[in-house]
Structures are given as structure tokens and as C-alpha cells.
Amino acid sequence: MTENKNICVQQLKIKIDNEVNFILLDVREKFELDIASLPNALHIPMREIPDHLDELNKNHEIIVFCKSGIRSMNVCNFLYNNGFKRVFNLTGGIKRWSEEIDKSIPTY
């Protein structure tokens, strides 16, 4: 197991509102992105993460999300095991964001 850390949607909203500098990484598939998305998120599907590690800054804070938090937790573990230490999983994913922060984002 890793030093996997979680962040809730309320904490993410505060970071966005305060314009904190971080990478918001969406690891869902393209068809999911077409249904619902978060502004300014970097989209790299989970299966493509290993091929794109050089595009991510190991010193930067990275918040990873998917639909519900399962895939993003796996990506967080993978990133952590590859030297990324400031990685956070968005608990509940975009589904929870839609339910608690922005109801205009469709759930699926």
C-alpha cells in the first residue's frame, strides 16, 4: 500500500476558488468526458497514464479524479509508486462533485 491521500469535493472547490496552483487530472475515458467534465482538467485516460508520466511534474500537487474514485485511487497508487509524492484522490469523483458542488454537471 502507499501513502495515498484523499481530498473531498469541498476541499477541491476551495482550492479552485482560491486559484491554488495544482494539476487536476481526469483519468476517465473520452466518452465520459463528453458527458461530464470539470474545467481546466488535464485528461489522460487511466490506461494511458504510463505512457504520459513525462508530461506530469513530480514536484507539483496532482489531484486525480474519475467517475467515483476507484480508478483515480489506482492511478494515485501508480503515480506514488513512480515517484509522485504530492498525489491526491478526489473521493467520490465527478459523481460526488455533481451531487454536492455543481448540480448542472450530469451524472451517469
PDB file of N, CA and C in Angstrom:
ATOM      1  N   MET A   1       0.849  -1.198   0.000  1.00  0.00           N
ATOM      2  CA  MET A   1       0.000   0.000   0.000  1.00  0.00           C
ATOM      3  C   MET A   1       0.885   1.248   0.000  1.00  0.00           C
ATOM      4  N   THR A   2       0.301   2.367  -0.362  1.00  0.00           N
ATOM      5  CA  THR A   2       1.077   3.601  -0.495  1.00  0.00           C
ATOM      6  C   THR A   2       0.596   4.647   0.498  1.00  0.00           C
ATOM      7  N   GLU A   3       1.198   5.793   0.392  1.00  0.00           N
ATOM      8  CA  GLU A   3       0.807   6.955   1.193  1.00  0.00           C
ATOM      9  C   GLU A   3      -0.331   7.684   0.473  1.00  0.00           C
ATOM     10  N   ASN A   4      -1.322   6.933   0.013  1.00  0.00           N
ATOM     11  CA  ASN A   4      -2.395   7.527  -0.767  1.00  0.00           C
ATOM     12  C   ASN A   4      -3.201   8.496   0.094  1.00  0.00           C
ATOM     13  N   LYS A   5      -3.380   9.705  -0.421  1.00  0.00           N
ATOM     14  CA  LYS A   5      -4.133  10.719   0.301  1.00  0.00           C
ATOM     15  C   LYS A   5      -5.402  11.029  -0.475  1.00  0.00           C
ATOM     16  N   ASN A   6      -6.437  11.382   0.274  1.00  0.00           N
ATOM     17  CA  ASN A   6      -7.709  11.734  -0.347  1.00  0.00           C
ATOM     18  C   ASN A   6      -8.007  13.205  -0.134  1.00  0.00           C
ATOM     19  N   ILE A   7      -8.804  13.746  -1.037  1.00  0.00           N
ATOM     20  CA  ILE A   7      -9.308  15.108  -0.899  1.00  0.00           C
ATOM     21  C   ILE A   7     -10.805  15.041  -1.218  1.00  0.00           C
ATOM     22  N   CYS A   8     -11.604  15.758  -0.461  1.00  0.00           N
ATOM     23  CA  CYS A   8     -13.048  15.754  -0.708  1.00  0.00           C
ATOM     24  C   CYS A   8     -13.405  16.874  -1.683  1.00  0.00           C
ATOM     25  N   VAL A   9     -14.602  16.816  -2.230  1.00  0.00           N
ATOM     26  CA  VAL A   9     -15.012  17.807  -3.235  1.00  0.00           C
ATOM     27  C   VAL A   9     -15.038  19.221  -2.664  1.00  0.00           C
ATOM     28  N   GLN A  10     -15.380  19.355  -1.382  1.00  0.00           N
ATOM     29  CA  GLN A  10     -15.394  20.688  -0.768  1.00  0.00           C
ATOM     30  C   GLN A  10     -13.983  21.279  -0.716  1.00  0.00           C
ATOM     31  N   GLN A  11     -12.990  20.435  -0.385  1.00  0.00           N
ATOM     32  CA  GLN A  11     -11.600  20.901  -0.349  1.00  0.00           C
ATOM     33  C   GLN A  11     -11.130  21.297  -1.748  1.00  0.00           C
ATOM     34  N   LEU A  12     -11.515  20.515  -2.755  1.00  0.00           N
ATOM     35  CA  LEU A  12     -11.150  20.845  -4.132  1.00  0.00           C
ATOM     36  C   LEU A  12     -11.777  22.167  -4.542  1.00  0.00           C
ATOM     37  N   LYS A  13     -13.034  22.379  -4.209  1.00  0.00           N
ATOM     38  CA  LYS A  13     -13.721  23.633  -4.545  1.00  0.00           C
ATOM     39  C   LYS A  13     -12.987  24.833  -3.947  1.00  0.00           C
ATOM     40  N   ILE A  14     -12.532  24.705  -2.704  1.00  0.00           N
ATOM     41  CA  ILE A  14     -11.786  25.791  -2.049  1.00  0.00           C
ATOM     42  C   ILE A  14     -10.489  26.077  -2.810  1.00  0.00           C
ATOM     43  N   LYS A  15      -9.791  25.022  -3.211  1.00  0.00           N
ATOM     44  CA  LYS A  15      -8.545  25.209  -3.975  1.00  0.00           C
ATOM     45  C   LYS A  15      -8.827  25.924  -5.294  1.00  0.00           C
ATOM     46  N   ILE A  16      -9.876  25.507  -5.988  1.00  0.00           N
ATOM     47  CA  ILE A  16     -10.237  26.138  -7.263  1.00  0.00           C
ATOM     48  C   ILE A  16     -10.623  27.602  -7.037  1.00  0.00           C
ATOM     49  N   ASP A  17     -11.472  27.847  -6.041  1.00  0.00           N
ATOM     50  CA  ASP A  17     -11.919  29.212  -5.755  1.00  0.00           C
ATOM     51  C   ASP A  17     -10.757  30.129  -5.380  1.00  0.00           C
ATOM     52  N   ASN A  18      -9.750  29.579  -4.696  1.00  0.00           N
ATOM     53  CA  ASN A  18      -8.589  30.365  -4.266  1.00  0.00           C
ATOM     54  C   ASN A  18      -7.456  30.358  -5.286  1.00  0.00           C
ATOM     55  N   GLU A  19      -7.733  29.765  -6.450  1.00  0.00           N
ATOM     56  CA  GLU A  19      -6.778  29.718  -7.551  1.00  0.00           C
ATOM     57  C   GLU A  19      -5.434  29.133  -7.142  1.00  0.00           C
ATOM     58  N   VAL A  20      -5.494  28.085  -6.322  1.00  0.00           N
ATOM     59  CA  VAL A  20      -4.283  27.354  -5.929  1.00  0.00           C
ATOM     60  C   VAL A  20      -3.730  26.658  -7.172  1.00  0.00           C
ATOM     61  N   ASN A  21      -2.421  26.630  -7.297  1.00  0.00           N
ATOM     62  CA  ASN A  21      -1.775  26.021  -8.463  1.00  0.00           C
ATOM     63  C   ASN A  21      -1.615  24.517  -8.241  1.00  0.00           C
ATOM     64  N   PHE A  22      -2.332  23.720  -9.002  1.00  0.00           N
ATOM     65  CA  PHE A  22      -2.243  22.261  -8.938  1.00  0.00           C
ATOM     66  C   PHE A  22      -2.691  21.701 -10.282  1.00  0.00           C
ATOM     67  N   ILE A  23      -2.431  20.412 -10.482  1.00  0.00           N
ATOM     68  CA  ILE A  23      -2.890  19.729 -11.686  1.00  0.00           C
ATOM     69  C   ILE A  23      -4.125  18.926 -11.325  1.00  0.00           C
ATOM     70  N   LEU A  24      -5.204  19.147 -12.040  1.00  0.00           N
ATOM     71  CA  LEU A  24      -6.431  18.367 -11.879  1.00  0.00           C
ATOM     72  C   LEU A  24      -6.437  17.354 -13.015  1.00  0.00           C
ATOM     73  N   LEU A  25      -6.252  16.094 -12.667  1.00  0.00           N
ATOM     74  CA  LEU A  25      -6.062  15.034 -13.660  1.00  0.00           C
ATOM     75  C   LEU A  25      -7.295  14.150 -13.745  1.00  0.00           C
ATOM     76  N   ASP A  26      -7.932  14.174 -14.912  1.00  0.00           N
ATOM     77  CA  ASP A  26      -9.131  13.377 -15.198  1.00  0.00           C
ATOM     78  C   ASP A  26      -8.690  12.100 -15.900  1.00  0.00           C
ATOM     79  N   VAL A  27      -8.915  10.939 -15.258  1.00  0.00           N
ATOM     80  CA  VAL A  27      -8.443   9.672 -15.831  1.00  0.00           C
ATOM     81  C   VAL A  27      -9.572   8.838 -16.440  1.00  0.00           C
ATOM     82  N   ARG A  28     -10.723   9.481 -16.691  1.00  0.00           N
ATOM     83  CA  ARG A  28     -11.848   8.771 -17.304  1.00  0.00           C
ATOM     84  C   ARG A  28     -11.630   8.619 -18.807  1.00  0.00           C
ATOM     85  N   GLU A  29     -12.493   7.845 -19.429  1.00  0.00           N
ATOM     86  CA  GLU A  29     -12.431   7.633 -20.869  1.00  0.00           C
ATOM     87  C   GLU A  29     -13.037   8.835 -21.610  1.00  0.00           C
ATOM     88  N   LYS A  30     -12.708   8.964 -22.891  1.00  0.00           N
ATOM     89  CA  LYS A  30     -13.182  10.094 -23.702  1.00  0.00           C
ATOM     90  C   LYS A  30     -14.705  10.193 -23.712  1.00  0.00           C
ATOM     91  N   PHE A  31     -15.402   9.051 -23.824  1.00  0.00           N
ATOM     92  CA  PHE A  31     -16.871   9.104 -23.876  1.00  0.00           C
ATOM     93  C   PHE A  31     -17.450   9.672 -22.572  1.00  0.00           C
ATOM     94  N   GLU A  32     -16.764   9.460 -21.455  1.00  0.00           N
ATOM     95  CA  GLU A  32     -17.226  10.009 -20.181  1.00  0.00           C
ATOM     96  C   GLU A  32     -17.012  11.519 -20.136  1.00  0.00           C
ATOM     97  N   LEU A  33     -15.914  11.955 -20.705  1.00  0.00           N
ATOM     98  CA  LEU A  33     -15.596  13.379 -20.773  1.00  0.00           C
ATOM     99  C   LEU A  33     -16.670  14.114 -21.561  1.00  0.00           C
ATOM    100  N   ASP A  34     -17.203  13.451 -22.589  1.00  0.00           N
ATOM    101  CA  ASP A  34     -18.257  14.054 -23.412  1.00  0.00           C
ATOM    102  C   ASP A  34     -19.562  14.223 -22.625  1.00  0.00           C
ATOM    103  N   ILE A  35     -19.760  13.428 -21.591  1.00  0.00           N
ATOM    104  CA  ILE A  35     -20.973  13.507 -20.766  1.00  0.00           C
ATOM    105  C   ILE A  35     -20.834  14.578 -19.695  1.00  0.00           C
ATOM    106  N   ALA A  36     -19.696  14.555 -19.003  1.00  0.00           N
ATOM    107  CA  ALA A  36     -19.485  15.465 -17.876  1.00  0.00           C
ATOM    108  C   ALA A  36     -18.000  15.749 -17.727  1.00  0.00           C
ATOM    109  N   SER A  37     -17.667  17.003 -17.413  1.00  0.00           N
ATOM    110  CA  SER A  37     -16.256  17.339 -17.224  1.00  0.00           C
ATOM    111  C   SER A  37     -16.110  18.493 -16.240  1.00  0.00           C
ATOM    112  N   LEU A  38     -14.899  18.657 -15.745  1.00  0.00           N
ATOM    113  CA  LEU A  38     -14.562  19.779 -14.872  1.00  0.00           C
ATOM    114  C   LEU A  38     -13.630  20.711 -15.634  1.00  0.00           C
ATOM    115  N   PRO A  39     -13.816  22.030 -15.472  1.00  0.00           N
ATOM    116  CA  PRO A  39     -12.980  22.991 -16.198  1.00  0.00           C
ATOM    117  C   PRO A  39     -11.503  22.844 -15.825  1.00  0.00           C
ATOM    118  N   ASN A  40     -10.651  23.072 -16.792  1.00  0.00           N
ATOM    119  CA  ASN A  40      -9.196  23.104 -16.601  1.00  0.00           C
ATOM    120  C   ASN A  40      -8.574  21.773 -16.191  1.00  0.00           C
ATOM    121  N   ALA A  41      -9.296  20.691 -16.368  1.00  0.00           N
ATOM    122  CA  ALA A  41      -8.733  19.384 -16.037  1.00  0.00           C
ATOM    123  C   ALA A  41      -7.886  18.871 -17.204  1.00  0.00           C
ATOM    124  N   LEU A  42      -6.778  18.234 -16.870  1.00  0.00           N
ATOM    125  CA  LEU A  42      -5.940  17.563 -17.842  1.00  0.00           C
ATOM    126  C   LEU A  42      -6.499  16.156 -18.013  1.00  0.00           C
ATOM    127  N   HIS A  43      -6.827  15.786 -19.249  1.00  0.00           N
ATOM    128  CA  HIS A  43      -7.439  14.480 -19.483  1.00  0.00           C
ATOM    129  C   HIS A  43      -6.409  13.487 -20.012  1.00  0.00           C
ATOM    130  N   ILE A  44      -6.136  12.455 -19.219  1.00  0.00           N
ATOM    131  CA  ILE A  44      -5.322  11.324 -19.662  1.00  0.00           C
ATOM    132  C   ILE A  44      -6.038  10.065 -19.161  1.00  0.00           C
ATOM    133  N   PRO A  45      -6.634   9.272 -20.056  1.00  0.00           N
ATOM    134  CA  PRO A  45      -7.321   8.059 -19.608  1.00  0.00           C
ATOM    135  C   PRO A  45      -6.391   7.150 -18.800  1.00  0.00           C
ATOM    136  N   MET A  46      -6.952   6.461 -17.817  1.00  0.00           N
ATOM    137  CA  MET A  46      -6.171   5.635 -16.906  1.00  0.00           C
ATOM    138  C   MET A  46      -5.186   4.727 -17.632  1.00  0.00           C
ATOM    139  N   ARG A  47      -5.632   4.055 -18.666  1.00  0.00           N
ATOM    140  CA  ARG A  47      -4.767   3.087 -19.352  1.00  0.00           C
ATOM    141  C   ARG A  47      -3.591   3.754 -20.064  1.00  0.00           C
ATOM    142  N   GLU A  48      -3.675   5.085 -20.278  1.00  0.00           N
ATOM    143  CA  GLU A  48      -2.608   5.803 -20.977  1.00  0.00           C
ATOM    144  C   GLU A  48      -1.617   6.484 -20.026  1.00  0.00           C
ATOM    145  N   ILE A  49      -1.892   6.469 -18.736  1.00  0.00           N
ATOM    146  CA  ILE A  49      -1.039   7.152 -17.759  1.00  0.00           C
ATOM    147  C   ILE A  49       0.430   6.715 -17.867  1.00  0.00           C
ATOM    148  N   PRO A  50       0.732   5.403 -17.935  1.00  0.00           N
ATOM    149  CA  PRO A  50       2.149   5.012 -18.004  1.00  0.00           C
ATOM    150  C   PRO A  50       2.906   5.648 -19.169  1.00  0.00           C
ATOM    151  N   ASP A  51       2.222   5.904 -20.279  1.00  0.00           N
ATOM    152  CA  ASP A  51       2.863   6.494 -21.459  1.00  0.00           C
ATOM    153  C   ASP A  51       3.008   8.007 -21.364  1.00  0.00           C
ATOM    154  N   HIS A  52       2.426   8.626 -20.338  1.00  0.00           N
ATOM    155  CA  HIS A  52       2.425  10.091 -20.232  1.00  0.00           C
ATOM    156  C   HIS A  52       3.072  10.599 -18.943  1.00  0.00           C
ATOM    157  N   LEU A  53       3.802   9.743 -18.237  1.00  0.00           N
ATOM    158  CA  LEU A  53       4.426  10.159 -16.975  1.00  0.00           C
ATOM    159  C   LEU A  53       5.342  11.369 -17.154  1.00  0.00           C
ATOM    160  N   ASP A  54       6.030  11.445 -18.287  1.00  0.00           N
ATOM    161  CA  ASP A  54       6.967  12.550 -18.508  1.00  0.00           C
ATOM    162  C   ASP A  54       6.255  13.889 -18.697  1.00  0.00           C
ATOM    163  N   GLU A  55       4.939  13.873 -18.877  1.00  0.00           N
ATOM    164  CA  GLU A  55       4.173  15.118 -19.031  1.00  0.00           C
ATOM    165  C   GLU A  55       3.734  15.692 -17.686  1.00  0.00           C
ATOM    166  N   LEU A  56       3.931  14.907 -16.618  1.00  0.00           N
ATOM    167  CA  LEU A  56       3.496  15.333 -15.291  1.00  0.00           C
ATOM    168  C   LEU A  56       4.707  15.709 -14.441  1.00  0.00           C
ATOM    169  N   ASN A  57       4.585  16.785 -13.687  1.00  0.00           N
ATOM    170  CA  ASN A  57       5.664  17.263 -12.836  1.00  0.00           C
ATOM    171  C   ASN A  57       5.598  16.560 -11.485  1.00  0.00           C
ATOM    172  N   LYS A  58       6.661  15.833 -11.130  1.00  0.00           N
ATOM    173  CA  LYS A  58       6.681  15.083  -9.871  1.00  0.00           C
ATOM    174  C   LYS A  58       6.620  15.980  -8.641  1.00  0.00           C
ATOM    175  N   ASN A  59       7.013  17.244  -8.794  1.00  0.00           N
ATOM    176  CA  ASN A  59       7.013  18.169  -7.654  1.00  0.00           C
ATOM    177  C   ASN A  59       5.705  18.928  -7.503  1.00  0.00           C
ATOM    178  N   HIS A  60       4.828  18.776  -8.461  1.00  0.00           N
ATOM    179  CA  HIS A  60       3.571  19.516  -8.468  1.00  0.00           C
ATOM    180  C   HIS A  60       2.477  18.727  -7.742  1.00  0.00           C
ATOM    181  N   GLU A  61       1.578  19.413  -7.097  1.00  0.00           N
ATOM    182  CA  GLU A  61       0.425  18.743  -6.493  1.00  0.00           C
ATOM    183  C   GLU A  61      -0.511  18.283  -7.611  1.00  0.00           C
ATOM    184  N   ILE A  62      -0.911  17.013  -7.545  1.00  0.00           N
ATOM    185  CA  ILE A  62      -1.799  16.448  -8.560  1.00  0.00           C
ATOM    186  C   ILE A  62      -3.026  15.880  -7.868  1.00  0.00           C
ATOM    187  N   ILE A  63      -4.203  16.338  -8.290  1.00  0.00           N
ATOM    188  CA  ILE A  63      -5.470  15.806  -7.782  1.00  0.00           C
ATOM    189  C   ILE A  63      -6.080  14.994  -8.911  1.00  0.00           C
ATOM    190  N   VAL A  64      -6.288  13.706  -8.651  1.00  0.00           N
ATOM    191  CA  VAL A  64      -6.748  12.775  -9.675  1.00  0.00           C
ATOM    192  C   VAL A  64      -8.219  12.449  -9.435  1.00  0.00           C
ATOM    193  N   PHE A  65      -9.015  12.434 -10.518  1.00  0.00           N
ATOM    194  CA  PHE A  65     -10.415  12.046 -10.363  1.00  0.00           C
ATOM    195  C   PHE A  65     -10.888  11.195 -11.529  1.00  0.00           C
ATOM    196  N   CYS A  66     -11.953  10.447 -11.239  1.00  0.00           N
ATOM    197  CA  CYS A  66     -12.638   9.638 -12.242  1.00  0.00           C
ATOM    198  C   CYS A  66     -14.135   9.791 -11.968  1.00  0.00           C
ATOM    199  N   LYS A  67     -14.910   8.782 -12.292  1.00  0.00           N
ATOM    200  CA  LYS A  67     -16.352   8.873 -12.047  1.00  0.00           C
ATOM    201  C   LYS A  67     -16.680   8.793 -10.559  1.00  0.00           C
ATOM    202  N   SER A  68     -16.106   7.790  -9.872  1.00  0.00           N
ATOM    203  CA  SER A  68     -16.490   7.580  -8.471  1.00  0.00           C
ATOM    204  C   SER A  68     -15.322   7.499  -7.497  1.00  0.00           C
ATOM    205  N   GLY A  69     -14.097   7.458  -7.990  1.00  0.00           N
ATOM    206  CA  GLY A  69     -12.933   7.446  -7.114  1.00  0.00           C
ATOM    207  C   GLY A  69     -12.134   6.157  -7.107  1.00  0.00           C
ATOM    208  N   ILE A  70     -12.589   5.134  -7.802  1.00  0.00           N
ATOM    209  CA  ILE A  70     -11.883   3.850  -7.810  1.00  0.00           C
ATOM    210  C   ILE A  70     -10.681   3.885  -8.767  1.00  0.00           C
ATOM    211  N   ARG A  71     -10.926   4.243 -10.013  1.00  0.00           N
ATOM    212  CA  ARG A  71      -9.826   4.313 -10.981  1.00  0.00           C
ATOM    213  C   ARG A  71      -8.800   5.349 -10.556  1.00  0.00           C
ATOM    214  N   SER A  72      -9.285   6.488 -10.067  1.00  0.00           N
ATOM    215  CA  SER A  72      -8.343   7.537  -9.665  1.00  0.00           C
ATOM    216  C   SER A  72      -7.479   7.084  -8.486  1.00  0.00           C
ATOM    217  N   MET A  73      -8.022   6.277  -7.585  1.00  0.00           N
ATOM    218  CA  MET A  73      -7.213   5.751  -6.483  1.00  0.00           C
ATOM    219  C   MET A  73      -6.109   4.851  -7.033  1.00  0.00           C
ATOM    220  N   ASN A  74      -6.444   4.033  -8.017  1.00  0.00           N
ATOM    221  CA  ASN A  74      -5.432   3.178  -8.640  1.00  0.00           C
ATOM    222  C   ASN A  74      -4.350   4.005  -9.324  1.00  0.00           C
ATOM    223  N   VAL A  75      -4.755   5.076  -9.997  1.00  0.00           N
ATOM    224  CA  VAL A  75      -3.786   5.953 -10.652  1.00  0.00           C
ATOM    225  C   VAL A  75      -2.921   6.642  -9.599  1.00  0.00           C
ATOM    226  N   CYS A  76      -3.506   7.086  -8.504  1.00  0.00           N
ATOM    227  CA  CYS A  76      -2.733   7.708  -7.421  1.00  0.00           C
ATOM    228  C   CYS A  76      -1.662   6.748  -6.918  1.00  0.00           C
ATOM    229  N   ASN A  77      -2.048   5.503  -6.689  1.00  0.00           N
ATOM    230  CA  ASN A  77      -1.086   4.497  -6.228  1.00  0.00           C
ATOM    231  C   ASN A  77       0.035   4.310  -7.243  1.00  0.00           C
ATOM    232  N   PHE A  78      -0.321   4.228  -8.528  1.00  0.00           N
ATOM    233  CA  PHE A  78       0.668   4.072  -9.583  1.00  0.00           C
ATOM    234  C   PHE A  78       1.619   5.268  -9.609  1.00  0.00           C
ATOM    235  N   LEU A  79       1.057   6.481  -9.570  1.00  0.00           N
ATOM    236  CA  LEU A  79       1.895   7.685  -9.587  1.00  0.00           C
ATOM    237  C   LEU A  79       2.815   7.726  -8.372  1.00  0.00           C
ATOM    238  N   TYR A  80       2.265   7.439  -7.200  1.00  0.00           N
ATOM    239  CA  TYR A  80       3.064   7.452  -5.973  1.00  0.00           C
ATOM    240  C   TYR A  80       4.233   6.472  -6.086  1.00  0.00           C
ATOM    241  N   ASN A  81       3.957   5.295  -6.605  1.00  0.00           N
ATOM    242  CA  ASN A  81       4.993   4.275  -6.750  1.00  0.00           C
ATOM    243  C   ASN A  81       6.015   4.623  -7.832  1.00  0.00           C
ATOM    244  N   ASN A  82       5.708   5.653  -8.629  1.00  0.00           N
ATOM    245  CA  ASN A  82       6.634   6.122  -9.664  1.00  0.00           C
ATOM    246  C   ASN A  82       7.242   7.477  -9.311  1.00  0.00           C
ATOM    247  N   GLY A  83       7.258   7.795  -8.023  1.00  0.00           N
ATOM    248  CA  GLY A  83       7.979   8.981  -7.561  1.00  0.00           C
ATOM    249  C   GLY A  83       7.167  10.243  -7.384  1.00  0.00           C
ATOM    250  N   PHE A  84       5.857  10.188  -7.621  1.00  0.00           N
ATOM    251  CA  PHE A  84       4.999  11.356  -7.408  1.00  0.00           C
ATOM    252  C   PHE A  84       4.499  11.307  -5.969  1.00  0.00           C
ATOM    253  N   LYS A  85       4.913  12.261  -5.140  1.00  0.00           N
ATOM    254  CA  LYS A  85       4.581  12.193  -3.716  1.00  0.00           C
ATOM    255  C   LYS A  85       3.440  13.129  -3.319  1.00  0.00           C
ATOM    256  N   ARG A  86       3.091  14.080  -4.176  1.00  0.00           N
ATOM    257  CA  ARG A  86       2.021  15.033  -3.849  1.00  0.00           C
ATOM    258  C   ARG A  86       0.784  14.712  -4.687  1.00  0.00           C
ATOM    259  N   VAL A  87       0.253  13.503  -4.484  1.00  0.00           N
ATOM    260  CA  VAL A  87      -0.866  12.999  -5.268  1.00  0.00           C
ATOM    261  C   VAL A  87      -2.066  12.791  -4.351  1.00  0.00           C
ATOM    262  N   PHE A  88      -3.221  13.262  -4.793  1.00  0.00           N
ATOM    263  CA  PHE A  88      -4.447  13.158  -4.003  1.00  0.00           C
ATOM    264  C   PHE A  88      -5.571  12.591  -4.856  1.00  0.00           C
ATOM    265  N   ASN A  89      -6.361  11.726  -4.255  1.00  0.00           N
ATOM    266  CA  ASN A  89      -7.517  11.135  -4.918  1.00  0.00           C
ATOM    267  C   ASN A  89      -8.767  11.921  -4.539  1.00  0.00           C
ATOM    268  N   LEU A  90      -9.565  12.315  -5.533  1.00  0.00           N
ATOM    269  CA  LEU A  90     -10.825  13.010  -5.257  1.00  0.00           C
ATOM    270  C   LEU A  90     -11.870  11.973  -4.853  1.00  0.00           C
ATOM    271  N   THR A  91     -12.196  11.952  -3.581  1.00  0.00           N
ATOM    272  CA  THR A  91     -13.154  10.989  -3.038  1.00  0.00           C
ATOM    273  C   THR A  91     -14.523  11.184  -3.689  1.00  0.00           C
ATOM    274  N   GLY A  92     -15.067  10.100  -4.237  1.00  0.00           N
ATOM    275  CA  GLY A  92     -16.392  10.160  -4.857  1.00  0.00           C
ATOM    276  C   GLY A  92     -16.397  10.645  -6.285  1.00  0.00           C
ATOM    277  N   GLY A  93     -15.248  11.123  -6.763  1.00  0.00           N
ATOM    278  CA  GLY A  93     -15.099  11.520  -8.157  1.00  0.00           C
ATOM    279  C   GLY A  93     -16.051  12.612  -8.630  1.00  0.00           C
ATOM    280  N   ILE A  94     -16.233  12.651  -9.953  1.00  0.00           N
ATOM    281  CA  ILE A  94     -17.080  13.683 -10.548  1.00  0.00           C
ATOM    282  C   ILE A  94     -18.542  13.471 -10.152  1.00  0.00           C
ATOM    283  N   LYS A  95     -18.887  12.247  -9.814  1.00  0.00           N
ATOM    284  CA  LYS A  95     -20.254  11.974  -9.358  1.00  0.00           C
ATOM    285  C   LYS A  95     -20.561  12.763  -8.079  1.00  0.00           C
ATOM    286  N   ARG A  96     -19.644  12.714  -7.120  1.00  0.00           N
ATOM    287  CA  ARG A  96     -19.859  13.462  -5.877  1.00  0.00           C
ATOM    288  C   ARG A  96     -19.783  14.961  -6.127  1.00  0.00           C
ATOM    289  N   TRP A  97     -18.895  15.402  -7.032  1.00  0.00           N
ATOM    290  CA  TRP A  97     -18.806  16.823  -7.376  1.00  0.00           C
ATOM    291  C   TRP A  97     -20.172  17.300  -7.886  1.00  0.00           C
ATOM    292  N   SER A  98     -20.781  16.509  -8.759  1.00  0.00           N
ATOM    293  CA  SER A  98     -22.083  16.853  -9.315  1.00  0.00           C
ATOM    294  C   SER A  98     -23.164  16.891  -8.239  1.00  0.00           C
ATOM    295  N   GLU A  99     -23.112  15.959  -7.310  1.00  0.00           N
ATOM    296  CA  GLU A  99     -24.127  15.879  -6.254  1.00  0.00           C
ATOM    297  C   GLU A  99     -23.987  16.989  -5.214  1.00  0.00           C
ATOM    298  N   GLU A 100     -22.744  17.373  -4.893  1.00  0.00           N
ATOM    299  CA  GLU A 100     -22.524  18.282  -3.763  1.00  0.00           C
ATOM    300  C   GLU A 100     -22.078  19.689  -4.133  1.00  0.00           C
ATOM    301  N   ILE A 101     -21.467  19.868  -5.311  1.00  0.00           N
ATOM    302  CA  ILE A 101     -20.902  21.171  -5.671  1.00  0.00           C
ATOM    303  C   ILE A 101     -21.631  21.821  -6.840  1.00  0.00           C
ATOM    304  N   ASP A 102     -21.786  21.084  -7.942  1.00  0.00           N
ATOM    305  CA  ASP A 102     -22.342  21.671  -9.161  1.00  0.00           C
ATOM    306  C   ASP A 102     -23.355  20.711  -9.785  1.00  0.00           C
ATOM    307  N   LYS A 103     -24.618  20.894  -9.434  1.00  0.00           N
ATOM    308  CA  LYS A 103     -25.667  20.007  -9.917  1.00  0.00           C
ATOM    309  C   LYS A 103     -25.931  20.147 -11.417  1.00  0.00           C
ATOM    310  N   SER A 104     -25.334  21.150 -12.071  1.00  0.00           N
ATOM    311  CA  SER A 104     -25.505  21.302 -13.519  1.00  0.00           C
ATOM    312  C   SER A 104     -24.664  20.275 -14.282  1.00  0.00           C
ATOM    313  N   ILE A 105     -23.712  19.648 -13.617  1.00  0.00           N
ATOM    314  CA  ILE A 105     -22.906  18.608 -14.265  1.00  0.00           C
ATOM    315  C   ILE A 105     -23.687  17.300 -14.215  1.00  0.00           C
ATOM    316  N   PRO A 106     -23.928  16.706 -15.378  1.00  0.00           N
ATOM    317  CA  PRO A 106     -24.742  15.467 -15.415  1.00  0.00           C
ATOM    318  C   PRO A 106     -24.073  14.308 -14.683  1.00  0.00           C
ATOM    319  N   THR A 107     -24.876  13.481 -14.054  1.00  0.00           N
ATOM    320  CA  THR A 107     -24.370  12.219 -13.501  1.00  0.00           C
ATOM    321  C   THR A 107     -24.686  11.124 -14.516  1.00  0.00           C
ATOM    322  N   TYR A 108     -23.912  10.084 -14.471  1.00  0.00           N
ATOM    323  CA  TYR A 108     -24.106   8.986 -15.433  1.00  0.00           C
ATOM    324  C   TYR A 108     -23.717   7.683 -14.783  1.00  0.00           C
TER     325      TYR A 108
END
